[in-house]
Amino acid sequence: MSEKSKKKYTRYSAEFKRDAVRLVESEGLSVAQVARDLGVNVNSLHNWVRKHREENAPSDLTESERGELARLRRENRVLKEEREILKKAAAFFAKESK
């Protein structure tokens, strides 16, 4: 891997992450806007906000229920992606058969 192709990862402090999440949560700004303003990757900020919401959400779930919920959410995401791929494939083949 050459020097130019190496990715540089920025480590953000916990305080920086907390402040960025606060801008989204308290100030009502969009994740995209805050990410742009702070020069942070949008996906990183989405992850910080999601983690904050998960950690601070009132929950009556047990640890095993939380694990199952996380597993089901992952499975749901995969199934949605597969469905989208199948829709595109069906459209492609329908177009090819004309």
C-alpha atoms as a PDB file:
ATOM      1  CA  MET A   1       0.000   0.000   0.000  1.00  0.00           C
ATOM      2  CA  SER A   2       1.541   3.325  -0.999  1.00  0.00           C
ATOM      3  CA  GLU A   3       1.749   6.352   1.267  1.00  0.00           C
ATOM      4  CA  LYS A   4      -0.894   8.188  -0.763  1.00  0.00           C
ATOM      5  CA  SER A   5      -3.452   5.403  -0.573  1.00  0.00           C
ATOM      6  CA  LYS A   6      -3.314   5.021   3.212  1.00  0.00           C
ATOM      7  CA  LYS A   7      -6.390   6.390   4.910  1.00  0.00           C
ATOM      8  CA  LYS A   8      -5.920   8.724   7.812  1.00  0.00           C
ATOM      9  CA  TYR A   9      -8.336   8.117  10.649  1.00  0.00           C
ATOM     10  CA  THR A  10      -9.128  10.917  13.022  1.00  0.00           C
ATOM     11  CA  ARG A  11      -9.764  10.084  16.659  1.00  0.00           C
ATOM     12  CA  TYR A  12     -12.280  12.346  18.346  1.00  0.00           C
ATOM     13  CA  SER A  13     -12.424  12.882  22.070  1.00  0.00           C
ATOM     14  CA  ALA A  14     -15.448  11.766  24.064  1.00  0.00           C
ATOM     15  CA  GLU A  15     -16.162  15.424  24.828  1.00  0.00           C
ATOM     16  CA  PHE A  16     -16.157  16.330  21.114  1.00  0.00           C
ATOM     17  CA  LYS A  17     -18.539  13.462  20.358  1.00  0.00           C
ATOM     18  CA  ARG A  18     -20.841  14.478  23.232  1.00  0.00           C
ATOM     19  CA  ASP A  19     -20.942  18.084  21.985  1.00  0.00           C
ATOM     20  CA  ALA A  20     -21.657  16.994  18.417  1.00  0.00           C
ATOM     21  CA  VAL A  21     -24.497  14.732  19.576  1.00  0.00           C
ATOM     22  CA  ARG A  22     -25.851  17.563  21.739  1.00  0.00           C
ATOM     23  CA  LEU A  23     -26.058  19.805  18.670  1.00  0.00           C
ATOM     24  CA  VAL A  24     -28.194  17.184  16.935  1.00  0.00           C
ATOM     25  CA  GLU A  25     -30.326  16.303  19.953  1.00  0.00           C
ATOM     26  CA  SER A  26     -30.799  19.634  21.742  1.00  0.00           C
ATOM     27  CA  GLU A  27     -30.436  22.197  18.995  1.00  0.00           C
ATOM     28  CA  GLY A  28     -32.579  20.291  16.528  1.00  0.00           C
ATOM     29  CA  LEU A  29     -29.983  20.460  13.766  1.00  0.00           C
ATOM     30  CA  SER A  30     -29.754  17.670  11.211  1.00  0.00           C
ATOM     31  CA  VAL A  31     -26.959  15.145  11.418  1.00  0.00           C
ATOM     32  CA  ALA A  32     -25.789  16.121   7.935  1.00  0.00           C
ATOM     33  CA  GLN A  33     -25.646  19.821   8.842  1.00  0.00           C
ATOM     34  CA  VAL A  34     -23.719  19.250  12.072  1.00  0.00           C
ATOM     35  CA  ALA A  35     -21.319  16.859  10.325  1.00  0.00           C
ATOM     36  CA  ARG A  36     -20.694  19.414   7.592  1.00  0.00           C
ATOM     37  CA  ASP A  37     -20.194  22.231  10.104  1.00  0.00           C
ATOM     38  CA  LEU A  38     -17.760  20.210  12.223  1.00  0.00           C
ATOM     39  CA  GLY A  39     -15.963  18.527   9.333  1.00  0.00           C
ATOM     40  CA  VAL A  40     -16.929  15.071  10.553  1.00  0.00           C
ATOM     41  CA  ASN A  41     -17.958  12.096   8.451  1.00  0.00           C
ATOM     42  CA  VAL A  42     -21.770  11.887   8.382  1.00  0.00           C
ATOM     43  CA  ASN A  43     -21.764   8.152   9.090  1.00  0.00           C
ATOM     44  CA  SER A  44     -19.556   8.647  12.149  1.00  0.00           C
ATOM     45  CA  LEU A  45     -21.927  11.235  13.566  1.00  0.00           C
ATOM     46  CA  HIS A  46     -24.925   8.994  12.830  1.00  0.00           C
ATOM     47  CA  ASN A  47     -23.217   6.228  14.791  1.00  0.00           C
ATOM     48  CA  TRP A  48     -22.505   8.542  17.737  1.00  0.00           C
ATOM     49  CA  VAL A  49     -26.127   9.732  17.820  1.00  0.00           C
ATOM     50  CA  ARG A  50     -27.480   6.181  17.555  1.00  0.00           C
ATOM     51  CA  LYS A  51     -25.197   4.973  20.346  1.00  0.00           C
ATOM     52  CA  HIS A  52     -26.212   7.919  22.538  1.00  0.00           C
ATOM     53  CA  ARG A  53     -29.905   7.221  21.974  1.00  0.00           C
ATOM     54  CA  GLU A  54     -29.476   3.526  22.696  1.00  0.00           C
ATOM     55  CA  GLU A  55     -27.537   4.182  25.885  1.00  0.00           C
ATOM     56  CA  ASN A  56     -29.956   6.813  27.170  1.00  0.00           C
ATOM     57  CA  ALA A  57     -33.260   5.300  26.125  1.00  0.00           C
ATOM     58  CA  PRO A  58     -35.408   4.142  29.016  1.00  0.00           C
ATOM     59  CA  SER A  59     -35.665   0.412  28.659  1.00  0.00           C
ATOM     60  CA  ASP A  60     -37.401  -2.380  30.486  1.00  0.00           C
ATOM     61  CA  LEU A  61     -35.601  -4.931  28.325  1.00  0.00           C
ATOM     62  CA  THR A  62     -33.304  -7.521  29.812  1.00  0.00           C
ATOM     63  CA  GLU A  63     -29.781  -7.969  28.481  1.00  0.00           C
ATOM     64  CA  SER A  64     -30.833 -11.045  26.477  1.00  0.00           C
ATOM     65  CA  GLU A  65     -33.818  -9.151  25.026  1.00  0.00           C
ATOM     66  CA  ARG A  66     -31.538  -6.279  23.995  1.00  0.00           C
ATOM     67  CA  GLY A  67     -29.220  -8.775  22.309  1.00  0.00           C
ATOM     68  CA  GLU A  68     -32.115 -10.368  20.464  1.00  0.00           C
ATOM     69  CA  LEU A  69     -33.406  -6.952  19.421  1.00  0.00           C
ATOM     70  CA  ALA A  70     -29.980  -6.013  18.040  1.00  0.00           C
ATOM     71  CA  ARG A  71     -29.804  -9.338  16.168  1.00  0.00           C
ATOM     72  CA  LEU A  72     -33.282  -8.830  14.714  1.00  0.00           C
ATOM     73  CA  ARG A  73     -32.452  -5.287  13.629  1.00  0.00           C
ATOM     74  CA  ARG A  74     -29.327  -6.533  11.831  1.00  0.00           C
ATOM     75  CA  GLU A  75     -31.338  -9.307  10.193  1.00  0.00           C
ATOM     76  CA  ASN A  76     -34.024  -6.821   9.152  1.00  0.00           C
ATOM     77  CA  ARG A  77     -31.400  -4.528   7.589  1.00  0.00           C
ATOM     78  CA  VAL A  78     -29.917  -7.440   5.617  1.00  0.00           C
ATOM     79  CA  LEU A  79     -33.350  -8.556   4.414  1.00  0.00           C
ATOM     80  CA  LYS A  80     -34.190  -5.029   3.249  1.00  0.00           C
ATOM     81  CA  GLU A  81     -30.909  -4.866   1.320  1.00  0.00           C
ATOM     82  CA  GLU A  82     -31.609  -8.249  -0.278  1.00  0.00           C
ATOM     83  CA  ARG A  83     -35.104  -7.127  -1.243  1.00  0.00           C
ATOM     84  CA  GLU A  84     -33.710  -4.018  -2.943  1.00  0.00           C
ATOM     85  CA  ILE A  85     -31.215  -6.131  -4.877  1.00  0.00           C
ATOM     86  CA  LEU A  86     -34.013  -8.455  -6.014  1.00  0.00           C
ATOM     87  CA  LYS A  87     -36.149  -5.491  -7.105  1.00  0.00           C
ATOM     88  CA  LYS A  88     -33.286  -4.153  -9.219  1.00  0.00           C
ATOM     89  CA  ALA A  89     -32.609  -7.589 -10.704  1.00  0.00           C
ATOM     90  CA  ALA A  90     -36.288  -8.063 -11.576  1.00  0.00           C
ATOM     91  CA  ALA A  91     -36.399  -4.655 -13.245  1.00  0.00           C
ATOM     92  CA  PHE A  92     -33.202  -5.424 -15.163  1.00  0.00           C
ATOM     93  CA  PHE A  93     -34.499  -8.770 -16.448  1.00  0.00           C
ATOM     94  CA  ALA A  94     -37.897  -7.318 -17.299  1.00  0.00           C
ATOM     95  CA  LYS A  95     -36.173  -4.651 -19.362  1.00  0.00           C
ATOM     96  CA  GLU A  96     -33.912  -7.229 -21.073  1.00  0.00           C
ATOM     97  CA  SER A  97     -36.855  -9.446 -22.105  1.00  0.00           C
ATOM     98  CA  LYS A  98     -38.553  -6.659 -24.087  1.00  0.00           C
END
